[in-house]
């Protein structure tokens, strides 16, 4: 029996939209963003709309007015148990491919020393630059999903937001969480694709948006973060990391690991290491104040 894509869309899209937003905890002034495009071949993927049943989406507003939608902690753990697969069974993609001038700078490495008023703070991700002098590229530079997974957090930044800007977090099928920060605004380029919303199911290589300069930066780049539950558990028990969080003063601990460390970050580290300037296992020079 031949099934037309238009028929699948009529069946799948309403289910997807309803399935992920079953129990909103509170209501923000602006409603959930327009739902991202879902892929019509999702019916053959073993991450299905049913995978999202019973998950709870909450809505927060940060101090600068940015709207953040995300699954709550319990829902993320439930989702992880439903979708996780070993690295060996998955395909991994570099977050940015086929763009000229992709490079990494030392000050953008994990744990590089970043000024923060009278104190310093560590850089908890990896900065991927995509144009000479970090200027706005003439053509948008596409960011793609590094592995199959589900979007668990979506943030829209206001113009005055001075933190991470437009961002999403993907829970990969490998159990790791991947953060994409400073992404472009819809009006930065004509015909921009919208950021994927919470509950969007993505496959490795699927588009998720463009590199931008939103939030606390004037440079066009992608701030890429890799996080694991194992690292978070260790951080929460470590006096070093507790002190780190109190001195950093910009973000709670999330289980961040060095994206260039193969042991911690998995296969994505080798792909990132292929960028100009990338070295597997390299970390920055951040030291806690005495």
Protein backbone atom coordinates (compact mmCIF):
# COMPACT_ATOMS: atom_id res chain seq x y z
CA UNK A 1 0.00 0.00 0.00
CA UNK A 2 1.43 3.36 -0.98
CA UNK A 3 1.33 6.06 1.70
CA UNK A 4 1.54 9.69 0.58
CA UNK A 5 3.72 12.05 2.60
CA UNK A 6 0.85 14.51 2.92
CA UNK A 7 -1.21 11.81 4.65
CA UNK A 8 1.62 11.01 7.06
CA UNK A 9 1.99 14.70 7.91
CA UNK A 10 -1.71 14.95 8.76
CA UNK A 11 -1.37 12.02 11.15
CA UNK A 12 2.09 12.57 12.64
CA UNK A 13 2.33 16.34 13.16
CA UNK A 14 -0.68 16.70 15.49
CA UNK A 15 0.50 13.74 17.55
CA UNK A 16 4.02 15.15 17.85
CA UNK A 17 2.83 18.59 18.82
CA UNK A 18 0.48 17.27 21.49
CA UNK A 19 2.67 14.46 22.77
CA UNK A 20 5.58 16.62 23.93
CA UNK A 21 3.53 19.28 25.67
CA UNK A 22 1.32 17.30 27.99
CA UNK A 23 1.87 19.00 31.34
CA UNK A 24 3.24 22.57 31.11
CA UNK A 25 4.22 23.67 34.62
CA UNK A 26 3.71 27.38 34.18
CA UNK A 27 2.81 29.87 31.48
CA UNK A 28 5.18 32.45 30.03
CA UNK A 29 4.01 35.73 28.56
CA UNK A 30 4.73 34.47 25.08
CA UNK A 31 3.59 31.05 23.95
CA UNK A 32 5.69 28.14 22.77
CA UNK A 33 7.59 28.85 19.54
CA UNK A 34 6.28 27.64 16.22
CA UNK A 35 6.86 23.91 16.00
CA UNK A 36 9.97 22.91 14.06
CA UNK A 37 9.66 20.77 10.96
CA UNK A 38 9.33 17.07 11.73
CA UNK A 39 10.68 14.52 9.34
CA UNK A 40 8.18 12.43 7.44
CA UNK A 41 10.28 9.29 7.70
CA UNK A 42 10.03 9.42 11.49
CA UNK A 43 7.48 6.60 11.31
CA UNK A 44 10.37 4.22 10.56
CA UNK A 45 12.64 5.63 13.30
CA UNK A 46 12.66 3.96 16.70
CA UNK A 47 12.42 7.36 18.37
CA UNK A 48 8.72 7.99 17.80
CA UNK A 49 6.06 10.40 19.11
CA UNK A 50 5.16 7.74 21.68
CA UNK A 51 8.67 8.14 23.10
CA UNK A 52 7.60 11.57 24.36
CA UNK A 53 4.49 10.38 26.21
CA UNK A 54 4.18 11.67 29.78
CA UNK A 55 7.12 14.06 29.62
CA UNK A 56 6.77 17.42 31.33
CA UNK A 57 7.78 20.75 29.77
CA UNK A 58 8.44 23.74 32.01
CA UNK A 59 8.89 27.37 31.07
CA UNK A 60 11.35 29.76 32.70
CA UNK A 61 12.39 33.36 32.12
CA UNK A 62 16.00 34.31 32.77
CA UNK A 63 17.08 37.60 34.36
CA UNK A 64 17.35 39.31 30.97
CA UNK A 65 13.90 38.22 29.84
CA UNK A 66 14.96 35.28 27.68
CA UNK A 67 12.28 32.59 27.45
CA UNK A 68 13.49 29.04 28.14
CA UNK A 69 11.36 25.94 27.51
CA UNK A 70 12.78 22.62 28.71
CA UNK A 71 11.89 19.16 29.96
CA UNK A 72 12.14 18.88 33.73
CA UNK A 73 14.91 16.78 35.28
CA UNK A 74 12.78 13.66 35.79
CA UNK A 75 11.49 13.76 32.22
CA UNK A 76 15.03 13.99 30.86
CA UNK A 77 16.06 10.87 32.76
CA UNK A 78 12.95 9.01 31.54
CA UNK A 79 13.68 10.11 27.98
CA UNK A 80 17.30 9.02 28.26
CA UNK A 81 16.23 5.53 29.35
CA UNK A 82 13.94 5.28 26.33
CA UNK A 83 16.32 6.37 23.59
CA UNK A 84 19.88 5.54 24.70
CA UNK A 85 22.10 3.42 22.47
CA UNK A 86 25.83 2.61 22.60
CA UNK A 87 28.21 4.82 20.61
CA UNK A 88 29.07 1.88 18.37
CA UNK A 89 25.51 1.75 17.00
CA UNK A 90 25.28 5.45 16.21
CA UNK A 91 26.41 7.86 13.52
CA UNK A 92 28.16 11.06 14.62
CA UNK A 93 28.51 14.30 12.66
CA UNK A 94 30.57 17.43 13.25
CA UNK A 95 28.26 20.27 14.34
CA UNK A 96 29.50 22.39 11.41
CA UNK A 97 30.55 20.96 8.08
CA UNK A 98 31.28 22.20 4.56
CA UNK A 99 31.99 25.79 5.56
CA UNK A 100 35.22 27.67 4.85
CA UNK A 101 37.45 29.03 7.60
CA UNK A 102 36.26 26.76 10.41
CA UNK A 103 38.78 27.12 13.21
CA UNK A 104 39.28 27.03 16.98
CA UNK A 105 41.05 29.68 19.05
CA UNK A 106 42.97 28.98 22.30
CA UNK A 107 40.79 31.40 24.29
CA UNK A 108 37.77 29.41 23.20
CA UNK A 109 38.95 26.04 24.47
CA UNK A 110 37.40 24.25 27.41
CA UNK A 111 38.58 25.75 30.74
CA UNK A 112 40.30 28.68 29.06
CA UNK A 113 40.61 31.68 31.36
CA UNK A 114 37.80 34.20 30.72
CA UNK A 115 37.63 37.62 32.43
CA UNK A 116 34.52 38.33 34.48
CA UNK A 117 34.88 41.67 36.26
CA UNK A 118 37.27 41.42 39.22
CA UNK A 119 37.41 37.62 38.96
CA UNK A 120 38.04 35.13 36.21
CA UNK A 121 35.78 32.36 35.05
CA UNK A 122 36.34 29.18 33.08
CA UNK A 123 35.10 28.73 29.55
CA UNK A 124 32.89 25.65 29.86
CA UNK A 125 32.61 24.71 26.20
CA UNK A 126 34.38 25.01 22.86
CA UNK A 127 34.15 27.99 20.52
CA UNK A 128 33.92 27.14 16.83
CA UNK A 129 34.59 30.16 14.62
CA UNK A 130 33.30 30.24 11.08
CA UNK A 131 34.59 33.43 9.41
CA UNK A 132 37.73 35.59 9.26
CA UNK A 133 37.94 37.98 12.22
CA UNK A 134 34.68 36.43 13.50
CA UNK A 135 32.59 38.73 11.31
CA UNK A 136 29.08 37.91 10.17
CA UNK A 137 29.32 35.48 7.25
CA UNK A 138 27.68 36.65 4.05
CA UNK A 139 25.87 33.34 3.79
CA UNK A 140 24.47 31.54 6.86
CA UNK A 141 26.61 28.76 8.31
CA UNK A 142 24.48 25.74 9.10
CA UNK A 143 24.68 23.91 12.42
CA UNK A 144 23.58 20.27 12.42
CA UNK A 145 22.70 17.63 14.98
CA UNK A 146 25.85 15.68 15.93
CA UNK A 147 23.89 12.50 16.69
CA UNK A 148 20.30 11.21 16.74
CA UNK A 149 18.36 12.61 19.69
CA UNK A 150 15.61 14.83 21.07
CA UNK A 151 15.68 18.57 21.81
CA UNK A 152 15.27 18.98 25.58
CA UNK A 153 15.78 22.75 25.93
CA UNK A 154 15.06 25.78 23.75
CA UNK A 155 15.90 29.39 24.57
CA UNK A 156 14.93 32.55 22.72
CA UNK A 157 17.02 35.56 23.67
CA UNK A 158 15.85 39.13 23.77
CA UNK A 159 18.01 41.83 22.19
CA UNK A 160 19.43 42.85 25.58
CA UNK A 161 20.14 39.28 26.71
CA UNK A 162 23.83 39.16 27.67
CA UNK A 163 24.29 35.47 28.41
CA UNK A 164 24.21 32.58 25.93
CA UNK A 165 21.75 34.07 23.46
CA UNK A 166 19.61 31.81 21.30
CA UNK A 167 20.36 28.23 22.24
CA UNK A 168 19.13 24.65 22.24
CA UNK A 169 20.20 21.49 24.07
CA UNK A 170 19.98 18.07 22.43
CA UNK A 171 19.82 14.82 24.39
CA UNK A 172 21.71 12.42 22.15
CA UNK A 173 21.04 8.72 21.85
CA UNK A 174 24.50 8.21 23.31
CA UNK A 175 23.19 9.65 26.61
CA UNK A 176 25.24 12.84 26.36
CA UNK A 177 23.73 16.32 26.17
CA UNK A 178 24.91 18.76 23.52
CA UNK A 179 24.50 22.52 23.89
CA UNK A 180 24.47 25.04 21.02
CA UNK A 181 24.75 28.69 22.08
CA UNK A 182 24.86 32.16 20.45
CA UNK A 183 22.81 30.91 17.49
CA UNK A 184 21.52 33.38 14.89
CA UNK A 185 18.18 35.15 15.15
CA UNK A 186 15.50 34.47 12.52
CA UNK A 187 15.95 37.99 11.11
CA UNK A 188 19.74 37.67 10.72
CA UNK A 189 19.27 35.98 7.36
CA UNK A 190 16.37 35.83 4.90
CA UNK A 191 14.39 32.58 4.93
CA UNK A 192 16.02 31.42 8.17
CA UNK A 193 14.99 28.07 9.58
CA UNK A 194 13.47 28.29 13.09
CA UNK A 195 15.25 26.83 16.10
CA UNK A 196 13.91 23.36 16.89
CA UNK A 197 11.53 23.37 19.84
CA UNK A 198 11.41 21.06 22.86
CA UNK A 199 10.42 17.56 21.80
CA UNK A 200 11.78 17.84 18.26
CA UNK A 201 13.25 14.52 17.13
CA UNK A 202 16.44 14.89 15.13
CA UNK A 203 18.77 12.57 13.28
CA UNK A 204 22.52 13.06 12.95
CA UNK A 205 23.08 15.70 10.28
CA UNK A 206 19.64 17.30 10.54
CA UNK A 207 19.74 21.14 10.48
CA UNK A 208 19.13 22.94 13.77
CA UNK A 209 19.94 26.57 12.91
CA UNK A 210 22.76 28.93 12.00
CA UNK A 211 25.91 30.13 13.77
CA UNK A 212 25.30 33.60 15.18
CA UNK A 213 26.36 36.28 17.64
CA UNK A 214 23.44 36.46 20.07
CA UNK A 215 23.99 36.90 23.78
CA UNK A 216 27.30 37.75 25.42
CA UNK A 217 29.45 38.07 22.31
CA UNK A 218 30.11 40.28 19.33
CA UNK A 219 31.82 37.48 17.42
CA UNK A 220 29.97 35.16 15.07
CA UNK A 221 30.63 31.64 16.26
CA UNK A 222 29.14 28.53 17.86
CA UNK A 223 29.70 27.85 21.54
CA UNK A 224 29.45 24.06 21.68
CA UNK A 225 29.04 22.18 24.97
CA UNK A 226 29.11 18.48 25.81
CA UNK A 227 27.59 17.36 29.13
CA UNK A 228 27.24 13.99 30.85
CA UNK A 229 25.39 12.75 33.91
CA UNK A 230 28.55 11.04 35.13
CA UNK A 231 30.49 14.31 35.11
CA UNK A 232 27.63 16.12 36.86
CA UNK A 233 27.56 13.53 39.65
CA UNK A 234 31.30 13.99 40.24
CA UNK A 235 31.06 17.78 40.08
CA UNK A 236 28.30 17.90 42.69
CA UNK A 237 30.50 15.90 45.10
CA UNK A 238 33.65 17.91 44.45
CA UNK A 239 34.70 20.88 46.59
CA UNK A 240 36.80 22.06 43.65
CA UNK A 241 33.78 22.24 41.37
CA UNK A 242 31.59 23.80 44.06
CA UNK A 243 34.18 26.53 44.48
CA UNK A 244 34.40 26.81 40.72
CA UNK A 245 30.67 27.38 40.43
CA UNK A 246 30.67 30.02 43.17
CA UNK A 247 33.54 31.92 41.57
CA UNK A 248 32.30 31.58 38.01
CA UNK A 249 28.98 33.16 38.94
CA UNK A 250 27.45 32.74 35.50
CA UNK A 251 26.01 29.27 35.26
CA UNK A 252 25.19 26.24 37.35
CA UNK A 253 27.16 23.05 36.94
CA UNK A 254 25.68 20.90 34.21
CA UNK A 255 28.22 18.09 33.90
CA UNK A 256 30.29 19.91 31.30
CA UNK A 257 33.22 17.96 29.86
CA UNK A 258 35.99 18.87 27.45
CA UNK A 259 34.51 18.43 23.93
CA UNK A 260 37.99 17.60 22.60
CA UNK A 261 38.57 14.78 25.09
CA UNK A 262 37.70 11.44 23.45
CA UNK A 263 37.28 9.61 26.75
CA UNK A 264 34.80 12.16 28.13
CA UNK A 265 33.03 13.48 25.04
CA UNK A 266 33.03 10.36 22.88
CA UNK A 267 33.29 10.19 19.06
CA UNK A 268 32.41 13.87 18.60
CA UNK A 269 35.87 14.78 19.97
CA UNK A 270 37.64 13.31 16.95
CA UNK A 271 35.38 15.23 14.56
CA UNK A 272 35.96 18.50 16.40
CA UNK A 273 39.70 17.80 16.40
CA UNK A 274 39.66 18.03 12.61
CA UNK A 275 38.84 21.74 12.75
CA UNK A 276 41.81 24.00 12.16
CA UNK A 277 43.54 24.50 15.51
CA UNK A 278 41.85 21.51 17.13
CA UNK A 279 43.85 19.10 19.25
CA UNK A 280 42.38 16.08 20.98
CA UNK A 281 42.53 16.40 24.76
CA UNK A 282 43.62 20.06 24.78
CA UNK A 283 42.32 22.16 27.69
CA UNK A 284 42.77 25.77 28.66
CA UNK A 285 44.69 27.41 31.49
CA UNK A 286 41.99 28.29 34.03
CA UNK A 287 43.00 28.09 37.70
CA UNK A 288 40.85 28.76 40.75
CA UNK A 289 41.69 31.87 42.72
CA UNK A 290 43.49 31.09 45.97
